[in-house]
Amino acid sequence: MEKEKEDSLNINDLFKRDAKLPFFYNAEFSELNEKSTISDYFGVLTKILIEGLSIISDGELLQIDNTNNTKVVDIGLMTERHFTKIKDRFLSLGIEPRWKVYDESDKDYYLRSVCYDAEKINGCNVEVTMDWKTQHLNKVKFKAENNNVVPEIMKTLELYPEANYWLELKKPTKLNEFIIKWIKKTDPDKVNVLNFRQADLRDYHYNHALCTLETRHVR
């Protein structure tokens, strides 16, 4: 998977050992090369996530896949306890996984935000459907009068990436735009979203592997 200074480190070692400080490992993924894309990178991180969940949960998240009668990780069973262990291990690689739960009011907020900007675009018509009782938006449709309007709509979506969790109009081009999305059977009105980003050293001031007496006050 990646190199730990002089010794190679595999996924079992990463998740079975105690968590290290953020940025402890210098990660070099053997599955990737100079031709690899951001999508490939996301795929590798997702694989590490799933295998890691299987290890740190001691089988708690495993379910039988009836299509081929094999055990698979059900991310819908993941708890904060599991995620904290996962996050600590990823941070040691300099990668920050983020998990957030969105309810109907969150969805309404982000959809309205993009609609308010999109309605200002000449040649763009916005159609919505909503729940009359709650006044929450359910669906949004953008109608472009010509192809020249489409790029302007995409630019608006870049300002509100969360809106794309429901609209699914813009293809991801950055690591944090690739997401894993699921809805729990026990909580069908909420959407769970997990993504990754490169960890920011400034977020872990005094608490990372690169901190020294000489650099600890430098941000």
N, C-alpha and C. Protein backbone atom coordinates (compact mmCIF):
# COMPACT_ATOMS: atom_id res chain seq x y z
N MET A 1 0.83 -1.20 0.00
CA MET A 1 0.00 0.00 0.00
C MET A 1 0.87 1.25 0.00
N GLU A 2 1.69 1.44 1.02
CA GLU A 2 2.53 2.61 1.09
C GLU A 2 3.77 2.29 1.89
N LYS A 3 4.69 3.23 1.97
CA LYS A 3 5.95 3.00 2.65
C LYS A 3 6.01 3.75 3.96
N GLU A 4 6.47 3.07 5.01
CA GLU A 4 6.68 3.71 6.29
C GLU A 4 8.18 3.86 6.48
N LYS A 5 8.68 5.04 6.12
CA LYS A 5 10.09 5.32 6.21
C LYS A 5 10.88 4.21 5.53
N GLU A 6 11.38 3.18 6.27
CA GLU A 6 12.17 2.14 5.64
C GLU A 6 11.37 0.87 5.42
N ASP A 7 10.38 0.62 6.26
CA ASP A 7 9.62 -0.62 6.18
C ASP A 7 8.32 -0.41 5.43
N SER A 8 7.93 -1.40 4.63
CA SER A 8 6.66 -1.31 3.92
C SER A 8 5.54 -1.53 4.92
N LEU A 9 4.44 -0.92 4.64
CA LEU A 9 3.28 -0.98 5.54
C LEU A 9 2.08 -1.47 4.74
N ASN A 10 1.41 -2.51 5.23
CA ASN A 10 0.21 -2.98 4.54
C ASN A 10 -1.02 -2.57 5.33
N ILE A 11 -2.19 -2.86 4.76
CA ILE A 11 -3.44 -2.41 5.38
C ILE A 11 -3.64 -3.04 6.75
N ASN A 12 -3.28 -4.31 6.90
CA ASN A 12 -3.42 -4.95 8.20
C ASN A 12 -2.60 -4.24 9.26
N ASP A 13 -1.36 -3.91 8.91
CA ASP A 13 -0.50 -3.20 9.87
C ASP A 13 -1.11 -1.85 10.24
N LEU A 14 -1.59 -1.13 9.24
CA LEU A 14 -2.12 0.21 9.47
C LEU A 14 -3.27 0.20 10.47
N PHE A 15 -4.16 -0.78 10.35
CA PHE A 15 -5.37 -0.77 11.17
C PHE A 15 -5.26 -1.63 12.43
N LYS A 16 -4.29 -2.53 12.49
CA LYS A 16 -4.14 -3.35 13.69
C LYS A 16 -3.16 -2.72 14.69
N ARG A 17 -2.26 -1.89 14.18
CA ARG A 17 -1.36 -1.19 15.08
C ARG A 17 -2.09 0.00 15.72
N ASP A 18 -1.51 0.50 16.80
CA ASP A 18 -2.06 1.72 17.41
C ASP A 18 -1.96 2.86 16.41
N ALA A 19 -2.91 3.78 16.47
CA ALA A 19 -2.91 4.91 15.54
C ALA A 19 -1.71 5.81 15.81
N LYS A 20 -1.08 6.26 14.73
CA LYS A 20 0.04 7.17 14.82
C LYS A 20 -0.44 8.61 14.70
N LEU A 21 0.47 9.56 14.94
CA LEU A 21 0.13 10.97 14.80
C LEU A 21 -0.16 11.31 13.34
N PRO A 22 -0.95 12.35 13.10
CA PRO A 22 -1.17 12.79 11.72
C PRO A 22 0.14 13.02 10.98
N PHE A 23 0.19 12.61 9.72
CA PHE A 23 1.35 12.78 8.84
C PHE A 23 2.55 11.92 9.26
N PHE A 24 2.31 10.86 10.02
CA PHE A 24 3.41 10.00 10.45
C PHE A 24 4.03 9.24 9.29
N TYR A 25 3.16 8.73 8.39
CA TYR A 25 3.64 7.92 7.27
C TYR A 25 3.80 8.77 6.02
N ASN A 26 4.77 8.42 5.21
CA ASN A 26 4.94 9.01 3.89
C ASN A 26 4.29 8.07 2.89
N ALA A 27 3.04 8.31 2.60
CA ALA A 27 2.25 7.35 1.82
C ALA A 27 2.61 7.36 0.34
N GLU A 28 2.93 6.17 -0.17
CA GLU A 28 3.15 5.96 -1.60
C GLU A 28 2.36 4.72 -1.98
N PHE A 29 1.28 4.88 -2.68
CA PHE A 29 0.38 3.77 -2.98
C PHE A 29 0.86 3.00 -4.21
N SER A 30 1.14 1.73 -4.01
CA SER A 30 1.68 0.91 -5.09
C SER A 30 0.69 0.72 -6.24
N GLU A 31 -0.59 0.92 -5.96
CA GLU A 31 -1.61 0.74 -7.01
C GLU A 31 -1.65 1.92 -7.99
N LEU A 32 -0.99 3.02 -7.64
CA LEU A 32 -1.06 4.23 -8.45
C LEU A 32 0.26 4.50 -9.16
N ASN A 33 0.17 5.16 -10.31
CA ASN A 33 1.36 5.57 -11.06
C ASN A 33 1.10 6.93 -11.69
N GLU A 34 2.03 7.37 -12.54
CA GLU A 34 1.91 8.72 -13.12
C GLU A 34 0.71 8.87 -14.03
N LYS A 35 0.12 7.75 -14.49
CA LYS A 35 -1.05 7.81 -15.36
C LYS A 35 -2.36 7.72 -14.58
N SER A 36 -2.27 7.51 -13.30
CA SER A 36 -3.47 7.36 -12.48
C SER A 36 -4.24 8.68 -12.39
N THR A 37 -5.54 8.58 -12.29
CA THR A 37 -6.42 9.74 -12.20
C THR A 37 -6.89 9.96 -10.76
N ILE A 38 -7.55 11.08 -10.54
CA ILE A 38 -8.15 11.34 -9.22
C ILE A 38 -9.17 10.26 -8.89
N SER A 39 -9.86 9.79 -9.91
CA SER A 39 -10.83 8.71 -9.70
C SER A 39 -10.13 7.44 -9.22
N ASP A 40 -8.96 7.15 -9.79
CA ASP A 40 -8.19 5.99 -9.35
C ASP A 40 -7.76 6.15 -7.89
N TYR A 41 -7.34 7.35 -7.55
CA TYR A 41 -6.91 7.66 -6.18
C TYR A 41 -8.06 7.45 -5.20
N PHE A 42 -9.24 7.95 -5.57
CA PHE A 42 -10.42 7.76 -4.74
C PHE A 42 -10.74 6.27 -4.59
N GLY A 43 -10.58 5.53 -5.67
CA GLY A 43 -10.84 4.09 -5.62
C GLY A 43 -9.93 3.37 -4.63
N VAL A 44 -8.66 3.76 -4.61
CA VAL A 44 -7.71 3.16 -3.68
C VAL A 44 -8.08 3.50 -2.24
N LEU A 45 -8.43 4.76 -1.99
CA LEU A 45 -8.82 5.19 -0.64
C LEU A 45 -10.08 4.47 -0.18
N THR A 46 -11.02 4.28 -1.11
CA THR A 46 -12.26 3.58 -0.77
C THR A 46 -11.97 2.13 -0.40
N LYS A 47 -11.07 1.51 -1.14
CA LYS A 47 -10.69 0.13 -0.84
C LYS A 47 -10.06 0.03 0.55
N ILE A 48 -9.17 0.98 0.86
CA ILE A 48 -8.54 1.00 2.19
C ILE A 48 -9.61 1.20 3.27
N LEU A 49 -10.55 2.10 3.01
CA LEU A 49 -11.64 2.36 3.96
C LEU A 49 -12.42 1.09 4.27
N ILE A 50 -12.84 0.39 3.23
CA ILE A 50 -13.67 -0.80 3.42
C ILE A 50 -12.90 -1.90 4.14
N GLU A 51 -11.66 -2.13 3.72
CA GLU A 51 -10.86 -3.16 4.39
C GLU A 51 -10.56 -2.76 5.83
N GLY A 52 -10.32 -1.46 6.04
CA GLY A 52 -10.07 -0.98 7.39
C GLY A 52 -11.27 -1.17 8.30
N LEU A 53 -12.46 -0.88 7.78
CA LEU A 53 -13.67 -1.07 8.58
C LEU A 53 -13.86 -2.53 8.97
N SER A 54 -13.52 -3.42 8.06
CA SER A 54 -13.64 -4.85 8.36
C SER A 54 -12.70 -5.25 9.48
N ILE A 55 -11.50 -4.65 9.50
CA ILE A 55 -10.50 -5.00 10.51
C ILE A 55 -10.84 -4.41 11.87
N ILE A 56 -11.11 -3.10 11.91
CA ILE A 56 -11.28 -2.45 13.22
C ILE A 56 -12.63 -2.78 13.88
N SER A 57 -13.57 -3.29 13.10
CA SER A 57 -14.90 -3.60 13.66
C SER A 57 -15.00 -5.03 14.16
N ASP A 58 -13.95 -5.82 13.93
CA ASP A 58 -13.96 -7.23 14.35
C ASP A 58 -15.20 -7.97 13.83
N GLY A 59 -15.59 -7.64 12.60
CA GLY A 59 -16.70 -8.34 11.96
C GLY A 59 -18.07 -7.78 12.25
N GLU A 60 -18.14 -6.72 13.07
CA GLU A 60 -19.45 -6.15 13.43
C GLU A 60 -20.19 -5.58 12.22
N LEU A 61 -19.47 -5.15 11.21
CA LEU A 61 -20.09 -4.51 10.05
C LEU A 61 -20.28 -5.45 8.88
N LEU A 62 -19.95 -6.71 9.06
CA LEU A 62 -20.07 -7.67 7.96
C LEU A 62 -21.50 -8.19 7.84
N GLN A 63 -21.96 -8.25 6.59
CA GLN A 63 -23.29 -8.79 6.28
C GLN A 63 -23.15 -9.78 5.13
N ILE A 64 -24.09 -10.68 5.02
CA ILE A 64 -24.06 -11.66 3.94
C ILE A 64 -24.66 -11.05 2.67
N ASP A 65 -23.89 -11.09 1.59
CA ASP A 65 -24.39 -10.67 0.28
C ASP A 65 -25.07 -11.87 -0.36
N ASN A 66 -26.41 -11.82 -0.46
CA ASN A 66 -27.17 -12.97 -0.95
C ASN A 66 -26.92 -13.29 -2.42
N THR A 67 -26.40 -12.32 -3.17
CA THR A 67 -26.17 -12.57 -4.60
C THR A 67 -25.06 -13.59 -4.83
N ASN A 68 -24.05 -13.59 -3.95
CA ASN A 68 -22.96 -14.56 -4.12
C ASN A 68 -22.57 -15.24 -2.81
N ASN A 69 -23.40 -15.03 -1.77
CA ASN A 69 -23.23 -15.70 -0.48
C ASN A 69 -21.85 -15.42 0.13
N THR A 70 -21.40 -14.17 0.04
CA THR A 70 -20.13 -13.79 0.64
C THR A 70 -20.38 -12.67 1.66
N LYS A 71 -19.43 -12.49 2.55
CA LYS A 71 -19.54 -11.45 3.56
C LYS A 71 -18.98 -10.14 3.01
N VAL A 72 -19.74 -9.07 3.18
CA VAL A 72 -19.31 -7.74 2.73
C VAL A 72 -19.51 -6.74 3.86
N VAL A 73 -18.77 -5.63 3.80
CA VAL A 73 -18.91 -4.59 4.80
C VAL A 73 -20.13 -3.73 4.48
N ASP A 74 -21.01 -3.58 5.45
CA ASP A 74 -22.18 -2.71 5.32
C ASP A 74 -21.84 -1.38 5.99
N ILE A 75 -21.48 -0.37 5.19
CA ILE A 75 -21.07 0.91 5.76
C ILE A 75 -22.21 1.58 6.52
N GLY A 76 -23.44 1.17 6.23
CA GLY A 76 -24.59 1.72 6.94
C GLY A 76 -24.62 1.37 8.42
N LEU A 77 -23.82 0.39 8.81
CA LEU A 77 -23.74 -0.01 10.21
C LEU A 77 -22.61 0.70 10.95
N MET A 78 -21.83 1.50 10.23
CA MET A 78 -20.71 2.21 10.84
C MET A 78 -21.19 3.21 11.89
N THR A 79 -20.51 3.24 13.02
CA THR A 79 -20.82 4.19 14.09
C THR A 79 -19.68 5.19 14.23
N GLU A 80 -19.88 6.19 15.09
CA GLU A 80 -18.83 7.17 15.35
C GLU A 80 -17.58 6.50 15.93
N ARG A 81 -17.79 5.47 16.70
CA ARG A 81 -16.65 4.74 17.28
C ARG A 81 -15.80 4.11 16.19
N HIS A 82 -16.45 3.48 15.21
CA HIS A 82 -15.72 2.91 14.09
C HIS A 82 -15.02 3.99 13.27
N PHE A 83 -15.75 5.06 13.01
CA PHE A 83 -15.22 6.11 12.14
C PHE A 83 -14.01 6.80 12.78
N THR A 84 -14.04 7.00 14.09
CA THR A 84 -12.91 7.63 14.76
C THR A 84 -11.63 6.82 14.57
N LYS A 85 -11.75 5.51 14.67
CA LYS A 85 -10.59 4.65 14.46
C LYS A 85 -10.10 4.75 13.01
N ILE A 86 -11.04 4.77 12.09
CA ILE A 86 -10.69 4.89 10.67
C ILE A 86 -10.01 6.23 10.40
N LYS A 87 -10.60 7.29 10.93
CA LYS A 87 -10.08 8.63 10.67
C LYS A 87 -8.65 8.79 11.20
N ASP A 88 -8.40 8.27 12.40
CA ASP A 88 -7.06 8.38 12.99
C ASP A 88 -6.02 7.70 12.11
N ARG A 89 -6.36 6.55 11.55
CA ARG A 89 -5.39 5.84 10.70
C ARG A 89 -5.17 6.57 9.38
N PHE A 90 -6.23 7.10 8.80
CA PHE A 90 -6.07 7.85 7.56
C PHE A 90 -5.26 9.12 7.79
N LEU A 91 -5.47 9.78 8.92
CA LEU A 91 -4.72 11.00 9.22
C LEU A 91 -3.23 10.72 9.32
N SER A 92 -2.88 9.54 9.77
CA SER A 92 -1.46 9.19 9.85
C SER A 92 -0.83 9.11 8.46
N LEU A 93 -1.68 9.00 7.42
CA LEU A 93 -1.23 9.01 6.03
C LEU A 93 -1.30 10.41 5.42
N GLY A 94 -1.81 11.38 6.21
CA GLY A 94 -1.98 12.73 5.67
C GLY A 94 -3.27 12.91 4.90
N ILE A 95 -4.23 12.02 5.13
CA ILE A 95 -5.52 12.06 4.43
C ILE A 95 -6.63 12.17 5.47
N GLU A 96 -7.57 13.06 5.22
CA GLU A 96 -8.67 13.26 6.17
C GLU A 96 -10.00 12.78 5.59
N PRO A 97 -10.56 11.70 6.12
CA PRO A 97 -11.91 11.30 5.72
C PRO A 97 -12.93 12.13 6.50
N ARG A 98 -14.01 12.51 5.84
CA ARG A 98 -15.05 13.31 6.50
C ARG A 98 -16.40 12.64 6.28
N TRP A 99 -17.13 12.50 7.35
CA TRP A 99 -18.46 11.86 7.31
C TRP A 99 -19.47 12.85 7.88
N LYS A 100 -20.49 13.15 7.09
CA LYS A 100 -21.51 14.08 7.54
C LYS A 100 -22.89 13.54 7.19
N VAL A 101 -23.84 13.81 8.05
CA VAL A 101 -25.22 13.38 7.85
C VAL A 101 -26.08 14.60 7.55
N TYR A 102 -26.84 14.54 6.45
CA TYR A 102 -27.68 15.65 6.01
C TYR A 102 -29.14 15.27 6.15
N ASP A 103 -29.93 16.18 6.75
CA ASP A 103 -31.36 15.94 6.84
C ASP A 103 -32.09 16.75 5.76
N GLU A 104 -33.40 16.74 5.80
CA GLU A 104 -34.19 17.41 4.77
C GLU A 104 -33.98 18.93 4.77
N SER A 105 -33.75 19.50 5.94
CA SER A 105 -33.52 20.94 6.00
C SER A 105 -32.17 21.31 5.38
N ASP A 106 -31.18 20.44 5.56
CA ASP A 106 -29.87 20.65 4.92
C ASP A 106 -30.02 20.59 3.39
N LYS A 107 -30.73 19.59 2.93
CA LYS A 107 -30.96 19.44 1.50
C LYS A 107 -31.65 20.67 0.94
N ASP A 108 -32.67 21.15 1.63
CA ASP A 108 -33.39 22.34 1.20
C ASP A 108 -32.47 23.55 1.12
N TYR A 109 -31.62 23.70 2.11
CA TYR A 109 -30.71 24.85 2.16
C TYR A 109 -29.77 24.87 0.96
N TYR A 110 -29.14 23.74 0.67
CA TYR A 110 -28.16 23.70 -0.41
C TYR A 110 -28.83 23.81 -1.79
N LEU A 111 -30.01 23.19 -1.94
CA LEU A 111 -30.72 23.30 -3.22
C LEU A 111 -31.19 24.73 -3.45
N ARG A 112 -31.70 25.36 -2.41
CA ARG A 112 -32.14 26.75 -2.56
C ARG A 112 -30.96 27.66 -2.88
N SER A 113 -29.83 27.42 -2.26
CA SER A 113 -28.66 28.26 -2.48
C SER A 113 -28.25 28.25 -3.95
N VAL A 114 -28.23 27.07 -4.55
CA VAL A 114 -27.83 27.00 -5.95
C VAL A 114 -28.93 27.56 -6.86
N CYS A 115 -30.18 27.42 -6.45
CA CYS A 115 -31.29 27.97 -7.25
C CYS A 115 -31.26 29.49 -7.27
N TYR A 116 -30.96 30.11 -6.14
CA TYR A 116 -30.92 31.57 -6.06
C TYR A 116 -29.88 32.14 -7.02
N ASP A 117 -28.77 31.44 -7.18
CA ASP A 117 -27.74 31.90 -8.11
C ASP A 117 -28.09 31.54 -9.55
N ALA A 118 -28.64 30.35 -9.74
CA ALA A 118 -28.94 29.89 -11.10
C ALA A 118 -30.04 30.73 -11.76
N GLU A 119 -30.98 31.24 -10.97
CA GLU A 119 -32.06 32.03 -11.55
C GLU A 119 -31.57 33.35 -12.15
N LYS A 120 -30.36 33.77 -11.77
CA LYS A 120 -29.78 35.00 -12.29
C LYS A 120 -29.09 34.79 -13.64
N ILE A 121 -28.95 33.53 -14.06
CA ILE A 121 -28.27 33.23 -15.32
C ILE A 121 -29.25 33.42 -16.48
N ASN A 122 -28.88 34.27 -17.43
CA ASN A 122 -29.73 34.48 -18.60
C ASN A 122 -29.84 33.18 -19.40
N GLY A 123 -31.08 32.81 -19.70
CA GLY A 123 -31.29 31.60 -20.48
C GLY A 123 -31.42 30.34 -19.65
N CYS A 124 -31.47 30.49 -18.33
CA CYS A 124 -31.63 29.34 -17.45
C CYS A 124 -32.95 29.44 -16.71
N ASN A 125 -33.79 28.44 -16.88
CA ASN A 125 -35.06 28.38 -16.17
C ASN A 125 -34.98 27.31 -15.08
N VAL A 126 -35.45 27.64 -13.90
CA VAL A 126 -35.37 26.73 -12.76
C VAL A 126 -36.75 26.24 -12.39
N GLU A 127 -36.91 24.92 -12.35
CA GLU A 127 -38.17 24.31 -11.93
C GLU A 127 -37.92 23.49 -10.66
N VAL A 128 -38.82 23.60 -9.70
CA VAL A 128 -38.65 22.87 -8.44
C VAL A 128 -39.95 22.18 -8.05
N THR A 129 -39.81 21.13 -7.27
CA THR A 129 -40.96 20.52 -6.60
C THR A 129 -40.64 20.54 -5.11
N MET A 130 -41.67 20.72 -4.29
CA MET A 130 -41.43 20.82 -2.85
C MET A 130 -42.52 20.13 -2.06
N ASP A 131 -42.21 19.89 -0.80
CA ASP A 131 -43.19 19.38 0.15
C ASP A 131 -43.97 20.59 0.67
N TRP A 132 -45.25 20.62 0.38
CA TRP A 132 -46.04 21.80 0.72
C TRP A 132 -46.07 22.06 2.22
N LYS A 133 -46.12 21.01 3.00
CA LYS A 133 -46.24 21.17 4.44
C LYS A 133 -44.96 21.72 5.05
N THR A 134 -43.81 21.16 4.66
CA THR A 134 -42.53 21.60 5.24
C THR A 134 -41.90 22.73 4.45
N GLN A 135 -42.34 22.91 3.19
CA GLN A 135 -41.76 23.89 2.28
C GLN A 135 -40.32 23.54 1.90
N HIS A 136 -39.93 22.30 2.10
CA HIS A 136 -38.60 21.85 1.71
C HIS A 136 -38.59 21.44 0.24
N LEU A 137 -37.55 21.85 -0.47
CA LEU A 137 -37.42 21.45 -1.87
C LEU A 137 -37.10 19.96 -1.95
N ASN A 138 -37.75 19.27 -2.88
CA ASN A 138 -37.47 17.86 -3.12
C ASN A 138 -36.63 17.64 -4.37
N LYS A 139 -37.00 18.35 -5.44
CA LYS A 139 -36.28 18.19 -6.71
C LYS A 139 -36.08 19.54 -7.37
N VAL A 140 -34.99 19.63 -8.12
CA VAL A 140 -34.69 20.85 -8.87
C VAL A 140 -34.32 20.45 -10.29
N LYS A 141 -34.84 21.20 -11.26
CA LYS A 141 -34.51 20.95 -12.66
C LYS A 141 -34.09 22.27 -13.31
N PHE A 142 -32.94 22.24 -13.98
CA PHE A 142 -32.47 23.41 -14.71
C PHE A 142 -32.70 23.19 -16.20
N LYS A 143 -33.34 24.18 -16.84
CA LYS A 143 -33.57 24.11 -18.27
C LYS A 143 -32.79 25.22 -18.96
N ALA A 144 -31.83 24.82 -19.80
CA ALA A 144 -30.98 25.78 -20.51
C ALA A 144 -31.55 26.05 -21.89
N GLU A 145 -31.66 27.32 -22.24
CA GLU A 145 -32.20 27.68 -23.55
C GLU A 145 -31.26 27.30 -24.69
N ASN A 146 -29.97 27.23 -24.40
CA ASN A 146 -29.00 26.79 -25.40
C ASN A 146 -27.78 26.22 -24.69
N ASN A 147 -26.88 25.61 -25.47
CA ASN A 147 -25.71 24.94 -24.88
C ASN A 147 -24.75 25.90 -24.19
N ASN A 148 -24.79 27.17 -24.56
CA ASN A 148 -23.88 28.14 -23.95
C ASN A 148 -24.21 28.41 -22.48
N VAL A 149 -25.44 28.07 -22.10
CA VAL A 149 -25.88 28.32 -20.73
C VAL A 149 -25.37 27.23 -19.78
N VAL A 150 -25.16 26.03 -20.30
CA VAL A 150 -24.79 24.89 -19.45
C VAL A 150 -23.52 25.15 -18.65
N PRO A 151 -22.43 25.67 -19.25
CA PRO A 151 -21.22 25.92 -18.45
C PRO A 151 -21.46 26.89 -17.30
N GLU A 152 -22.37 27.84 -17.49
CA GLU A 152 -22.67 28.79 -16.42
C GLU A 152 -23.37 28.09 -15.26
N ILE A 153 -24.22 27.14 -15.59
CA ILE A 153 -24.90 26.35 -14.55
C ILE A 153 -23.87 25.52 -13.78
N MET A 154 -22.92 24.93 -14.50
CA MET A 154 -21.88 24.12 -13.86
C MET A 154 -21.01 24.97 -12.93
N LYS A 155 -20.73 26.21 -13.34
CA LYS A 155 -19.95 27.11 -12.48
C LYS A 155 -20.69 27.40 -11.17
N THR A 156 -22.00 27.53 -11.27
CA THR A 156 -22.80 27.76 -10.07
C THR A 156 -22.73 26.57 -9.14
N LEU A 157 -22.77 25.37 -9.71
CA LEU A 157 -22.69 24.16 -8.89
C LEU A 157 -21.36 24.06 -8.17
N GLU A 158 -20.30 24.60 -8.78
CA GLU A 158 -18.99 24.57 -8.13
C GLU A 158 -19.00 25.39 -6.84
N LEU A 159 -19.87 26.38 -6.77
CA LEU A 159 -19.96 27.21 -5.56
C LEU A 159 -20.70 26.49 -4.45
N TYR A 160 -21.52 25.52 -4.81
CA TYR A 160 -22.33 24.79 -3.83
C TYR A 160 -22.17 23.29 -4.07
N PRO A 161 -21.00 22.73 -3.81
CA PRO A 161 -20.76 21.31 -4.11
C PRO A 161 -21.71 20.37 -3.39
N GLU A 162 -22.18 20.77 -2.20
CA GLU A 162 -23.11 19.90 -1.48
C GLU A 162 -24.42 19.71 -2.24
N ALA A 163 -24.85 20.72 -2.99
CA ALA A 163 -26.08 20.59 -3.76
C ALA A 163 -25.99 19.45 -4.76
N ASN A 164 -24.78 19.21 -5.24
CA ASN A 164 -24.60 18.15 -6.23
C ASN A 164 -24.76 16.76 -5.64
N TYR A 165 -24.76 16.63 -4.31
CA TYR A 165 -25.03 15.34 -3.69
C TYR A 165 -26.40 14.83 -4.08
N TRP A 166 -27.33 15.75 -4.32
CA TRP A 166 -28.69 15.38 -4.72
C TRP A 166 -28.92 15.59 -6.22
N LEU A 167 -28.34 16.64 -6.78
CA LEU A 167 -28.57 16.94 -8.20
C LEU A 167 -27.81 15.98 -9.11
N GLU A 168 -26.59 15.63 -8.72
CA GLU A 168 -25.74 14.70 -9.49
C GLU A 168 -25.59 15.16 -10.94
N LEU A 169 -25.35 16.45 -11.13
CA LEU A 169 -25.20 17.01 -12.48
C LEU A 169 -23.74 17.20 -12.88
N LYS A 170 -22.90 17.54 -11.92
CA LYS A 170 -21.50 17.84 -12.21
C LYS A 170 -20.61 16.64 -11.89
N LYS A 171 -19.81 16.22 -12.87
CA LYS A 171 -18.89 15.13 -12.64
C LYS A 171 -17.75 15.59 -11.72
N PRO A 172 -17.37 14.76 -10.77
CA PRO A 172 -16.30 15.16 -9.84
C PRO A 172 -14.95 15.28 -10.55
N THR A 173 -14.20 16.31 -10.18
CA THR A 173 -12.86 16.51 -10.74
C THR A 173 -11.82 16.67 -9.64
N LYS A 174 -12.27 16.90 -8.40
CA LYS A 174 -11.37 17.05 -7.26
C LYS A 174 -11.63 15.91 -6.29
N LEU A 175 -10.63 15.58 -5.50
CA LEU A 175 -10.76 14.44 -4.59
C LEU A 175 -11.96 14.57 -3.68
N ASN A 176 -12.18 15.75 -3.10
CA ASN A 176 -13.28 15.90 -2.14
C ASN A 176 -14.66 15.89 -2.80
N GLU A 177 -14.70 15.92 -4.15
CA GLU A 177 -15.99 15.86 -4.85
C GLU A 177 -16.45 14.42 -5.09
N PHE A 178 -15.54 13.47 -4.95
CA PHE A 178 -15.92 12.06 -5.04
C PHE A 178 -16.48 11.64 -3.69
N ILE A 179 -17.64 11.05 -3.68
CA ILE A 179 -18.29 10.74 -2.41
C ILE A 179 -18.80 9.30 -2.36
N ILE A 180 -18.93 8.83 -1.14
CA ILE A 180 -19.67 7.59 -0.85
C ILE A 180 -20.94 8.03 -0.16
N LYS A 181 -22.08 7.66 -0.70
CA LYS A 181 -23.37 8.14 -0.19
C LYS A 181 -24.27 6.96 0.15
N TRP A 182 -24.90 7.02 1.30
CA TRP A 182 -25.82 5.95 1.67
C TRP A 182 -26.92 6.48 2.58
N ILE A 183 -28.02 5.74 2.62
CA ILE A 183 -29.16 6.05 3.48
C ILE A 183 -29.42 4.84 4.37
N LYS A 184 -29.50 5.07 5.66
CA LYS A 184 -29.75 3.99 6.59
C LYS A 184 -31.23 3.60 6.56
N LYS A 185 -31.50 2.31 6.62
CA LYS A 185 -32.88 1.85 6.63
C LYS A 185 -33.63 2.38 7.85
N THR A 186 -32.89 2.57 8.94
CA THR A 186 -33.51 3.04 10.18
C THR A 186 -33.71 4.55 10.20
N ASP A 187 -33.13 5.24 9.20
CA ASP A 187 -33.22 6.71 9.16
C ASP A 187 -33.34 7.15 7.70
N PRO A 188 -34.45 6.82 7.05
CA PRO A 188 -34.57 7.02 5.60
C PRO A 188 -34.64 8.47 5.14
N ASP A 189 -34.83 9.42 6.07
CA ASP A 189 -34.94 10.83 5.69
C ASP A 189 -33.60 11.56 5.75
N LYS A 190 -32.54 10.82 6.05
CA LYS A 190 -31.22 11.45 6.15
C LYS A 190 -30.24 10.78 5.18
N VAL A 191 -29.35 11.60 4.63
CA VAL A 191 -28.35 11.11 3.69
C VAL A 191 -26.98 11.20 4.34
N ASN A 192 -26.25 10.09 4.31
CA ASN A 192 -24.89 10.04 4.83
C ASN A 192 -23.92 10.23 3.67
N VAL A 193 -22.94 11.10 3.85
CA VAL A 193 -21.94 11.36 2.81
C VAL A 193 -20.55 11.26 3.42
N LEU A 194 -19.69 10.50 2.78
CA LEU A 194 -18.29 10.39 3.21
C LEU A 194 -17.40 10.73 2.03
N ASN A 195 -16.41 11.58 2.28
CA ASN A 195 -15.43 11.90 1.25
C ASN A 195 -14.06 12.05 1.87
N PHE A 196 -13.07 12.31 1.03
CA PHE A 196 -11.70 12.44 1.50
C PHE A 196 -11.12 13.77 1.03
N ARG A 197 -10.15 14.26 1.77
CA ARG A 197 -9.37 15.41 1.33
C ARG A 197 -7.96 15.27 1.89
N GLN A 198 -7.03 15.98 1.29
CA GLN A 198 -5.69 16.02 1.84
C GLN A 198 -5.75 16.76 3.18
N ALA A 199 -5.25 16.15 4.23
CA ALA A 199 -5.29 16.78 5.55
C ALA A 199 -4.46 18.06 5.55
N ASP A 200 -4.92 19.04 6.29
CA ASP A 200 -4.24 20.32 6.41
C ASP A 200 -3.43 20.33 7.70
N LEU A 201 -2.11 20.50 7.57
CA LEU A 201 -1.22 20.48 8.73
C LEU A 201 -1.64 21.49 9.79
N ARG A 202 -2.20 22.62 9.36
CA ARG A 202 -2.58 23.67 10.31
C ARG A 202 -3.73 23.24 11.22
N ASP A 203 -4.50 22.24 10.78
CA ASP A 203 -5.62 21.77 11.61
C ASP A 203 -5.15 20.90 12.78
N TYR A 204 -3.88 20.49 12.76
CA TYR A 204 -3.37 19.58 13.79
C TYR A 204 -2.11 20.17 14.43
N HIS A 205 -2.17 21.46 14.67
CA HIS A 205 -1.03 22.19 15.24
C HIS A 205 -0.62 21.56 16.56
N TYR A 206 0.69 21.34 16.75
CA TYR A 206 1.28 20.73 17.94
C TYR A 206 0.97 19.23 18.05
N ASN A 207 0.17 18.70 17.17
CA ASN A 207 -0.24 17.30 17.30
C ASN A 207 -0.08 16.55 15.99
N HIS A 208 1.13 16.59 15.45
CA HIS A 208 1.40 15.84 14.22
C HIS A 208 2.86 15.39 14.23
N ALA A 209 3.18 14.44 13.39
CA ALA A 209 4.50 13.81 13.40
C ALA A 209 5.61 14.73 12.94
N LEU A 210 5.28 15.83 12.27
CA LEU A 210 6.30 16.74 11.75
C LEU A 210 6.62 17.87 12.73
N CYS A 211 5.94 17.87 13.87
CA CYS A 211 6.14 18.94 14.85
C CYS A 211 7.45 18.73 15.61
N THR A 212 8.31 19.75 15.64
CA THR A 212 9.56 19.71 16.38
C THR A 212 9.67 20.95 17.27
N LEU A 213 10.66 20.98 18.11
CA LEU A 213 10.86 22.15 18.97
C LEU A 213 11.08 23.41 18.13
N GLU A 214 11.71 23.21 16.95
CA GLU A 214 12.01 24.36 16.10
C GLU A 214 10.81 24.82 15.29
N THR A 215 9.91 23.90 14.97
CA THR A 215 8.81 24.24 14.06
C THR A 215 7.44 24.30 14.74
N ARG A 216 7.37 23.97 16.01
CA ARG A 216 6.03 23.81 16.63
C ARG A 216 5.21 25.10 16.67
N HIS A 217 5.88 26.26 16.61
CA HIS A 217 5.14 27.53 16.62
C HIS A 217 4.88 28.08 15.22
N VAL A 218 5.27 27.31 14.21
CA VAL A 218 5.11 27.78 12.82
C VAL A 218 3.85 27.16 12.24
N ARG A 219 3.03 28.00 11.64
CA ARG A 219 1.82 27.49 10.98
C ARG A 219 1.97 27.59 9.47
